[in-house]
């Protein structure tokens, strides 16, 4: 699965994209967010304020199952104006 990180999420992880292995049965978006925080501790505060997108659609429920081939994006709050 490809994970895209934008804005402050990219800065916290030190990269804009990650390849993430997905177990055969998939994993929940919630489990992925926790795993990202474990692997990239500086990403934790950003993840808690972010919205998540799977295959171009915002997730309302983090219990949704992700599978190999999905694209998962982390969209932290954006500033500007």
PDB file of N, CA and C in Angstrom:
ATOM      1  N   UNK A   1       0.852  -1.156   0.000  1.00  0.00           N
ATOM      2  CA  UNK A   1       0.000   0.000   0.000  1.00  0.00           C
ATOM      3  C   UNK A   1       0.904   1.226   0.000  1.00  0.00           C
ATOM      4  N   UNK A   2       0.463   2.249  -0.711  1.00  0.00           N
ATOM      5  CA  UNK A   2       1.192   3.505  -0.713  1.00  0.00           C
ATOM      6  C   UNK A   2       0.525   4.467   0.253  1.00  0.00           C
ATOM      7  N   UNK A   3       1.356   5.128   1.062  1.00  0.00           N
ATOM      8  CA  UNK A   3       0.881   6.136   2.002  1.00  0.00           C
ATOM      9  C   UNK A   3       1.457   7.470   1.562  1.00  0.00           C
ATOM     10  N   UNK A   4       0.585   8.450   1.386  1.00  0.00           N
ATOM     11  CA  UNK A   4       1.000   9.796   1.018  1.00  0.00           C
ATOM     12  C   UNK A   4       0.887  10.700   2.234  1.00  0.00           C
ATOM     13  N   UNK A   5       1.923  11.478   2.480  1.00  0.00           N
ATOM     14  CA  UNK A   5       1.963  12.383   3.627  1.00  0.00           C
ATOM     15  C   UNK A   5       2.093  13.807   3.118  1.00  0.00           C
ATOM     16  N   UNK A   6       1.231  14.688   3.593  1.00  0.00           N
ATOM     17  CA  UNK A   6       1.212  16.066   3.134  1.00  0.00           C
ATOM     18  C   UNK A   6       1.569  17.030   4.258  1.00  0.00           C
ATOM     19  N   UNK A   7       2.109  18.170   3.870  1.00  0.00           N
ATOM     20  CA  UNK A   7       2.383  19.309   4.750  1.00  0.00           C
ATOM     21  C   UNK A   7       3.156  18.886   5.999  1.00  0.00           C
ATOM     22  N   UNK A   8       2.617  19.168   7.190  1.00  0.00           N
ATOM     23  CA  UNK A   8       3.349  18.880   8.426  1.00  0.00           C
ATOM     24  C   UNK A   8       3.549  17.382   8.644  1.00  0.00           C
ATOM     25  N   UNK A   9       2.701  16.538   8.064  1.00  0.00           N
ATOM     26  CA  UNK A   9       2.914  15.082   8.169  1.00  0.00           C
ATOM     27  C   UNK A   9       4.181  14.690   7.414  1.00  0.00           C
ATOM     28  N   UNK A  10       4.387  15.293   6.259  1.00  0.00           N
ATOM     29  CA  UNK A  10       5.608  15.037   5.477  1.00  0.00           C
ATOM     30  C   UNK A  10       6.835  15.474   6.259  1.00  0.00           C
ATOM     31  N   UNK A  11       6.757  16.639   6.869  1.00  0.00           N
ATOM     32  CA  UNK A  11       7.884  17.151   7.650  1.00  0.00           C
ATOM     33  C   UNK A  11       8.189  16.242   8.835  1.00  0.00           C
ATOM     34  N   UNK A  12       7.173  15.789   9.537  1.00  0.00           N
ATOM     35  CA  UNK A  12       7.373  14.955  10.724  1.00  0.00           C
ATOM     36  C   UNK A  12       7.976  13.598  10.379  1.00  0.00           C
ATOM     37  N   UNK A  13       7.583  13.020   9.249  1.00  0.00           N
ATOM     38  CA  UNK A  13       8.092  11.706   8.858  1.00  0.00           C
ATOM     39  C   UNK A  13       9.390  11.803   8.056  1.00  0.00           C
ATOM     40  N   UNK A  14       9.682  12.991   7.535  1.00  0.00           N
ATOM     41  CA  UNK A  14      10.892  13.159   6.754  1.00  0.00           C
ATOM     42  C   UNK A  14      10.778  12.660   5.323  1.00  0.00           C
ATOM     43  N   UNK A  15       9.569  12.414   4.862  1.00  0.00           N
ATOM     44  CA  UNK A  15       9.332  11.967   3.487  1.00  0.00           C
ATOM     45  C   UNK A  15       7.872  12.177   3.136  1.00  0.00           C
ATOM     46  N   UNK A  16       7.590  12.213   1.841  1.00  0.00           N
ATOM     47  CA  UNK A  16       6.235  12.468   1.379  1.00  0.00           C
ATOM     48  C   UNK A  16       5.442  11.230   1.027  1.00  0.00           C
ATOM     49  N   UNK A  17       6.120  10.093   0.913  1.00  0.00           N
ATOM     50  CA  UNK A  17       5.416   8.851   0.555  1.00  0.00           C
ATOM     51  C   UNK A  17       6.115   7.670   1.205  1.00  0.00           C
ATOM     52  N   UNK A  18       5.328   6.675   1.549  1.00  0.00           N
ATOM     53  CA  UNK A  18       5.838   5.445   2.156  1.00  0.00           C
ATOM     54  C   UNK A  18       5.204   4.251   1.467  1.00  0.00           C
ATOM     55  N   UNK A  19       5.932   3.187   1.355  1.00  0.00           N
ATOM     56  CA  UNK A  19       5.354   1.900   0.957  1.00  0.00           C
ATOM     57  C   UNK A  19       5.151   1.114   2.249  1.00  0.00           C
ATOM     58  N   UNK A  20       3.951   0.578   2.436  1.00  0.00           N
ATOM     59  CA  UNK A  20       3.618  -0.091   3.693  1.00  0.00           C
ATOM     60  C   UNK A  20       3.113  -1.498   3.391  1.00  0.00           C
ATOM     61  N   UNK A  21       3.680  -2.507   4.035  1.00  0.00           N
ATOM     62  CA  UNK A  21       3.185  -3.866   3.813  1.00  0.00           C
ATOM     63  C   UNK A  21       1.823  -4.071   4.467  1.00  0.00           C
ATOM     64  N   UNK A  22       0.970  -4.794   3.784  1.00  0.00           N
ATOM     65  CA  UNK A  22      -0.370  -5.071   4.299  1.00  0.00           C
ATOM     66  C   UNK A  22      -0.499  -6.577   4.473  1.00  0.00           C
ATOM     67  N   UNK A  23      -0.915  -7.032   5.658  1.00  0.00           N
ATOM     68  CA  UNK A  23      -1.095  -8.474   5.850  1.00  0.00           C
ATOM     69  C   UNK A  23      -2.198  -9.008   4.938  1.00  0.00           C
ATOM     70  N   UNK A  24      -2.201 -10.311   4.672  1.00  0.00           N
ATOM     71  CA  UNK A  24      -3.187 -10.900   3.746  1.00  0.00           C
ATOM     72  C   UNK A  24      -4.640 -10.548   4.069  1.00  0.00           C
ATOM     73  N   UNK A  25      -5.005 -10.445   5.328  1.00  0.00           N
ATOM     74  CA  UNK A  25      -6.382 -10.119   5.699  1.00  0.00           C
ATOM     75  C   UNK A  25      -6.669  -8.633   5.744  1.00  0.00           C
ATOM     76  N   UNK A  26      -5.682  -7.816   5.374  1.00  0.00           N
ATOM     77  CA  UNK A  26      -5.834  -6.374   5.459  1.00  0.00           C
ATOM     78  C   UNK A  26      -5.594  -5.877   6.871  1.00  0.00           C
ATOM     79  N   UNK A  27      -5.816  -4.600   7.080  1.00  0.00           N
ATOM     80  CA  UNK A  27      -5.734  -4.011   8.406  1.00  0.00           C
ATOM     81  C   UNK A  27      -6.644  -2.801   8.445  1.00  0.00           C
ATOM     82  N   UNK A  28      -7.067  -2.445   9.631  1.00  0.00           N
ATOM     83  CA  UNK A  28      -7.957  -1.296   9.753  1.00  0.00           C
ATOM     84  C   UNK A  28      -7.155  -0.008   9.604  1.00  0.00           C
ATOM     85  N   UNK A  29      -7.830   1.035   9.170  1.00  0.00           N
ATOM     86  CA  UNK A  29      -7.182   2.339   9.080  1.00  0.00           C
ATOM     87  C   UNK A  29      -6.686   2.766  10.460  1.00  0.00           C
ATOM     88  N   UNK A  30      -7.436   2.444  11.496  1.00  0.00           N
ATOM     89  CA  UNK A  30      -7.024   2.779  12.863  1.00  0.00           C
ATOM     90  C   UNK A  30      -5.710   2.095  13.226  1.00  0.00           C
ATOM     91  N   UNK A  31      -5.585   0.820  12.876  1.00  0.00           N
ATOM     92  CA  UNK A  31      -4.343   0.083  13.156  1.00  0.00           C
ATOM     93  C   UNK A  31      -3.172   0.688  12.391  1.00  0.00           C
ATOM     94  N   UNK A  32      -3.430   1.105  11.162  1.00  0.00           N
ATOM     95  CA  UNK A  32      -2.364   1.732  10.378  1.00  0.00           C
ATOM     96  C   UNK A  32      -1.925   3.042  11.015  1.00  0.00           C
ATOM     97  N   UNK A  33      -2.861   3.860  11.447  1.00  0.00           N
ATOM     98  CA  UNK A  33      -2.515   5.134  12.083  1.00  0.00           C
ATOM     99  C   UNK A  33      -1.673   4.885  13.332  1.00  0.00           C
ATOM    100  N   UNK A  34      -2.034   3.896  14.134  1.00  0.00           N
ATOM    101  CA  UNK A  34      -1.245   3.567  15.335  1.00  0.00           C
ATOM    102  C   UNK A  34       0.145   3.067  14.954  1.00  0.00           C
ATOM    103  N   UNK A  35       0.237   2.256  13.915  1.00  0.00           N
ATOM    104  CA  UNK A  35       1.534   1.746  13.464  1.00  0.00           C
ATOM    105  C   UNK A  35       2.417   2.879  12.945  1.00  0.00           C
ATOM    106  N   UNK A  36       1.821   3.830  12.238  1.00  0.00           N
ATOM    107  CA  UNK A  36       2.587   4.985  11.769  1.00  0.00           C
ATOM    108  C   UNK A  36       3.133   5.790  12.937  1.00  0.00           C
ATOM    109  N   UNK A  37       2.313   5.967  13.946  1.00  0.00           N
ATOM    110  CA  UNK A  37       2.762   6.712  15.124  1.00  0.00           C
ATOM    111  C   UNK A  37       3.886   5.973  15.851  1.00  0.00           C
ATOM    112  N   UNK A  38       3.796   4.649  15.912  1.00  0.00           N
ATOM    113  CA  UNK A  38       4.863   3.860  16.546  1.00  0.00           C
ATOM    114  C   UNK A  38       6.172   3.985  15.777  1.00  0.00           C
ATOM    115  N   UNK A  39       6.087   3.932  14.452  1.00  0.00           N
ATOM    116  CA  UNK A  39       7.301   3.981  13.639  1.00  0.00           C
ATOM    117  C   UNK A  39       7.869   5.395  13.535  1.00  0.00           C
ATOM    118  N   UNK A  40       7.007   6.386  13.514  1.00  0.00           N
ATOM    119  CA  UNK A  40       7.420   7.791  13.379  1.00  0.00           C
ATOM    120  C   UNK A  40       6.819   8.597  14.529  1.00  0.00           C
ATOM    121  N   UNK A  41       7.419   8.535  15.722  1.00  0.00           N
ATOM    122  CA  UNK A  41       6.833   9.194  16.898  1.00  0.00           C
ATOM    123  C   UNK A  41       6.546  10.688  16.712  1.00  0.00           C
ATOM    124  N   UNK A  42       7.364  11.385  15.938  1.00  0.00           N
ATOM    125  CA  UNK A  42       7.129  12.820  15.711  1.00  0.00           C
ATOM    126  C   UNK A  42       5.845  13.064  14.926  1.00  0.00           C
ATOM    127  N   UNK A  43       5.339  12.041  14.273  1.00  0.00           N
ATOM    128  CA  UNK A  43       4.116  12.149  13.482  1.00  0.00           C
ATOM    129  C   UNK A  43       2.853  12.107  14.351  1.00  0.00           C
ATOM    130  N   UNK A  44       2.976  11.623  15.578  1.00  0.00           N
ATOM    131  CA  UNK A  44       1.818  11.434  16.465  1.00  0.00           C
ATOM    132  C   UNK A  44       0.897  12.629  16.589  1.00  0.00           C
ATOM    133  N   UNK A  45       1.405  13.807  16.983  1.00  0.00           N
ATOM    134  CA  UNK A  45       0.513  14.965  17.132  1.00  0.00           C
ATOM    135  C   UNK A  45      -0.188  15.340  15.826  1.00  0.00           C
ATOM    136  N   UNK A  46       0.507  15.204  14.730  1.00  0.00           N
ATOM    137  CA  UNK A  46      -0.094  15.525  13.434  1.00  0.00           C
ATOM    138  C   UNK A  46      -1.200  14.533  13.095  1.00  0.00           C
ATOM    139  N   UNK A  47      -0.967  13.264  13.356  1.00  0.00           N
ATOM    140  CA  UNK A  47      -1.981  12.248  13.055  1.00  0.00           C
ATOM    141  C   UNK A  47      -3.258  12.492  13.839  1.00  0.00           C
ATOM    142  N   UNK A  48      -3.127  12.929  15.079  1.00  0.00           N
ATOM    143  CA  UNK A  48      -4.312  13.151  15.908  1.00  0.00           C
ATOM    144  C   UNK A  48      -5.181  14.295  15.387  1.00  0.00           C
ATOM    145  N   UNK A  49      -4.613  15.184  14.578  1.00  0.00           N
ATOM    146  CA  UNK A  49      -5.367  16.314  14.043  1.00  0.00           C
ATOM    147  C   UNK A  49      -5.712  16.147  12.558  1.00  0.00           C
ATOM    148  N   UNK A  50      -5.328  15.029  11.970  1.00  0.00           N
ATOM    149  CA  UNK A  50      -5.445  14.848  10.524  1.00  0.00           C
ATOM    150  C   UNK A  50      -6.744  14.188  10.092  1.00  0.00           C
ATOM    151  N   UNK A  51      -7.028  14.352   8.804  1.00  0.00           N
ATOM    152  CA  UNK A  51      -8.080  13.577   8.135  1.00  0.00           C
ATOM    153  C   UNK A  51      -7.382  12.577   7.236  1.00  0.00           C
ATOM    154  N   UNK A  52      -8.065  11.470   6.971  1.00  0.00           N
ATOM    155  CA  UNK A  52      -7.461  10.383   6.211  1.00  0.00           C
ATOM    156  C   UNK A  52      -8.299  10.079   4.978  1.00  0.00           C
ATOM    157  N   UNK A  53      -7.604   9.745   3.911  1.00  0.00           N
ATOM    158  CA  UNK A  53      -8.241   9.503   2.621  1.00  0.00           C
ATOM    159  C   UNK A  53      -7.792   8.138   2.111  1.00  0.00           C
ATOM    160  N   UNK A  54      -8.744   7.333   1.706  1.00  0.00           N
ATOM    161  CA  UNK A  54      -8.435   6.042   1.075  1.00  0.00           C
ATOM    162  C   UNK A  54      -8.937   6.083  -0.360  1.00  0.00           C
ATOM    163  N   UNK A  55      -8.026   5.880  -1.275  1.00  0.00           N
ATOM    164  CA  UNK A  55      -8.370   5.835  -2.695  1.00  0.00           C
ATOM    165  C   UNK A  55      -9.216   7.037  -3.122  1.00  0.00           C
ATOM    166  N   UNK A  56      -8.824   8.217  -2.639  1.00  0.00           N
ATOM    167  CA  UNK A  56      -9.489   9.442  -3.068  1.00  0.00           C
ATOM    168  C   UNK A  56     -10.738   9.828  -2.300  1.00  0.00           C
ATOM    169  N   UNK A  57     -11.114   9.056  -1.282  1.00  0.00           N
ATOM    170  CA  UNK A  57     -12.328   9.360  -0.507  1.00  0.00           C
ATOM    171  C   UNK A  57     -11.981   9.516   0.969  1.00  0.00           C
ATOM    172  N   UNK A  58     -12.476  10.614   1.554  1.00  0.00           N
ATOM    173  CA  UNK A  58     -12.235  10.833   2.980  1.00  0.00           C
ATOM    174  C   UNK A  58     -12.902   9.732   3.796  1.00  0.00           C
ATOM    175  N   UNK A  59     -12.188   9.276   4.806  1.00  0.00           N
ATOM    176  CA  UNK A  59     -12.725   8.243   5.695  1.00  0.00           C
ATOM    177  C   UNK A  59     -13.483   8.896   6.840  1.00  0.00           C
ATOM    178  N   UNK A  60     -14.675   8.394   7.087  1.00  0.00           N
ATOM    179  CA  UNK A  60     -15.452   8.818   8.251  1.00  0.00           C
ATOM    180  C   UNK A  60     -15.297   7.809   9.384  1.00  0.00           C
ATOM    181  N   UNK A  61     -14.867   6.609   9.046  1.00  0.00           N
ATOM    182  CA  UNK A  61     -14.766   5.506  10.000  1.00  0.00           C
ATOM    183  C   UNK A  61     -13.382   4.868   9.878  1.00  0.00           C
ATOM    184  N   UNK A  62     -12.599   4.923  10.939  1.00  0.00           N
ATOM    185  CA  UNK A  62     -11.253   4.346  10.902  1.00  0.00           C
ATOM    186  C   UNK A  62     -11.250   2.832  11.091  1.00  0.00           C
ATOM    187  N   UNK A  63     -12.418   2.241  11.205  1.00  0.00           N
ATOM    188  CA  UNK A  63     -12.486   0.780  11.275  1.00  0.00           C
ATOM    189  C   UNK A  63     -12.520   0.143   9.887  1.00  0.00           C
ATOM    190  N   UNK A  64     -12.564   0.961   8.841  1.00  0.00           N
ATOM    191  CA  UNK A  64     -12.571   0.431   7.475  1.00  0.00           C
ATOM    192  C   UNK A  64     -11.287  -0.376   7.244  1.00  0.00           C
ATOM    193  N   UNK A  65     -11.421  -1.474   6.502  1.00  0.00           N
ATOM    194  CA  UNK A  65     -10.277  -2.350   6.224  1.00  0.00           C
ATOM    195  C   UNK A  65      -9.524  -1.849   4.999  1.00  0.00           C
ATOM    196  N   UNK A  66      -8.220  -1.753   5.139  1.00  0.00           N
ATOM    197  CA  UNK A  66      -7.348  -1.390   4.038  1.00  0.00           C
ATOM    198  C   UNK A  66      -6.744  -2.658   3.463  1.00  0.00           C
ATOM    199  N   UNK A  67      -6.496  -2.646   2.161  1.00  0.00           N
ATOM    200  CA  UNK A  67      -5.912  -3.832   1.536  1.00  0.00           C
ATOM    201  C   UNK A  67      -4.745  -3.427   0.657  1.00  0.00           C
ATOM    202  N   UNK A  68      -3.956  -4.409   0.280  1.00  0.00           N
ATOM    203  CA  UNK A  68      -2.823  -4.174  -0.595  1.00  0.00           C
ATOM    204  C   UNK A  68      -3.319  -3.513  -1.875  1.00  0.00           C
ATOM    205  N   UNK A  69      -2.617  -2.509  -2.337  1.00  0.00           N
ATOM    206  CA  UNK A  69      -3.023  -1.786  -3.533  1.00  0.00           C
ATOM    207  C   UNK A  69      -3.768  -0.501  -3.241  1.00  0.00           C
ATOM    208  N   UNK A  70      -4.251  -0.319  -2.006  1.00  0.00           N
ATOM    209  CA  UNK A  70      -4.925   0.923  -1.636  1.00  0.00           C
ATOM    210  C   UNK A  70      -3.911   2.061  -1.550  1.00  0.00           C
ATOM    211  N   UNK A  71      -4.420   3.273  -1.726  1.00  0.00           N
ATOM    212  CA  UNK A  71      -3.633   4.468  -1.471  1.00  0.00           C
ATOM    213  C   UNK A  71      -4.257   5.140  -0.253  1.00  0.00           C
ATOM    214  N   UNK A  72      -3.445   5.406   0.732  1.00  0.00           N
ATOM    215  CA  UNK A  72      -3.887   6.013   1.987  1.00  0.00           C
ATOM    216  C   UNK A  72      -3.155   7.338   2.129  1.00  0.00           C
ATOM    217  N   UNK A  73      -3.888   8.416   2.347  1.00  0.00           N
ATOM    218  CA  UNK A  73      -3.272   9.735   2.458  1.00  0.00           C
ATOM    219  C   UNK A  73      -3.579  10.359   3.807  1.00  0.00           C
ATOM    220  N   UNK A  74      -2.586  11.049   4.342  1.00  0.00           N
ATOM    221  CA  UNK A  74      -2.712  11.774   5.600  1.00  0.00           C
ATOM    222  C   UNK A  74      -2.760  13.264   5.264  1.00  0.00           C
ATOM    223  N   UNK A  75      -3.900  13.898   5.599  1.00  0.00           N
ATOM    224  CA  UNK A  75      -4.094  15.329   5.337  1.00  0.00           C
ATOM    225  C   UNK A  75      -4.211  16.068   6.671  1.00  0.00           C
ATOM    226  N   UNK A  76      -3.111  16.657   7.125  1.00  0.00           N
ATOM    227  CA  UNK A  76      -3.193  17.452   8.351  1.00  0.00           C
ATOM    228  C   UNK A  76      -3.930  18.757   8.068  1.00  0.00           C
ATOM    229  N   UNK A  77      -4.279  19.486   9.105  1.00  0.00           N
ATOM    230  CA  UNK A  77      -4.901  20.789   8.873  1.00  0.00           C
ATOM    231  C   UNK A  77      -3.945  21.681   8.068  1.00  0.00           C
ATOM    232  N   UNK A  78      -4.500  22.370   7.107  1.00  0.00           N
ATOM    233  CA  UNK A  78      -3.702  23.263   6.268  1.00  0.00           C
ATOM    234  C   UNK A  78      -3.961  24.698   6.700  1.00  0.00           C
ATOM    235  N   UNK A  79      -2.914  25.501   6.627  1.00  0.00           N
ATOM    236  CA  UNK A  79      -3.064  26.921   6.917  1.00  0.00           C
ATOM    237  C   UNK A  79      -2.772  27.730   5.666  1.00  0.00           C
ATOM    238  N   UNK A  80      -3.024  28.973   5.748  1.00  0.00           N
ATOM    239  CA  UNK A  80      -2.732  29.844   4.618  1.00  0.00           C
ATOM    240  C   UNK A  80      -3.827  30.859   4.416  1.00  0.00           C
ATOM    241  N   UNK A  81      -3.665  31.596   3.355  1.00  0.00           N
ATOM    242  CA  UNK A  81      -4.721  32.554   3.095  1.00  0.00           C
ATOM    243  C   UNK A  81      -4.241  33.806   2.502  1.00  0.00           C
TER     244      UNK A  81
END
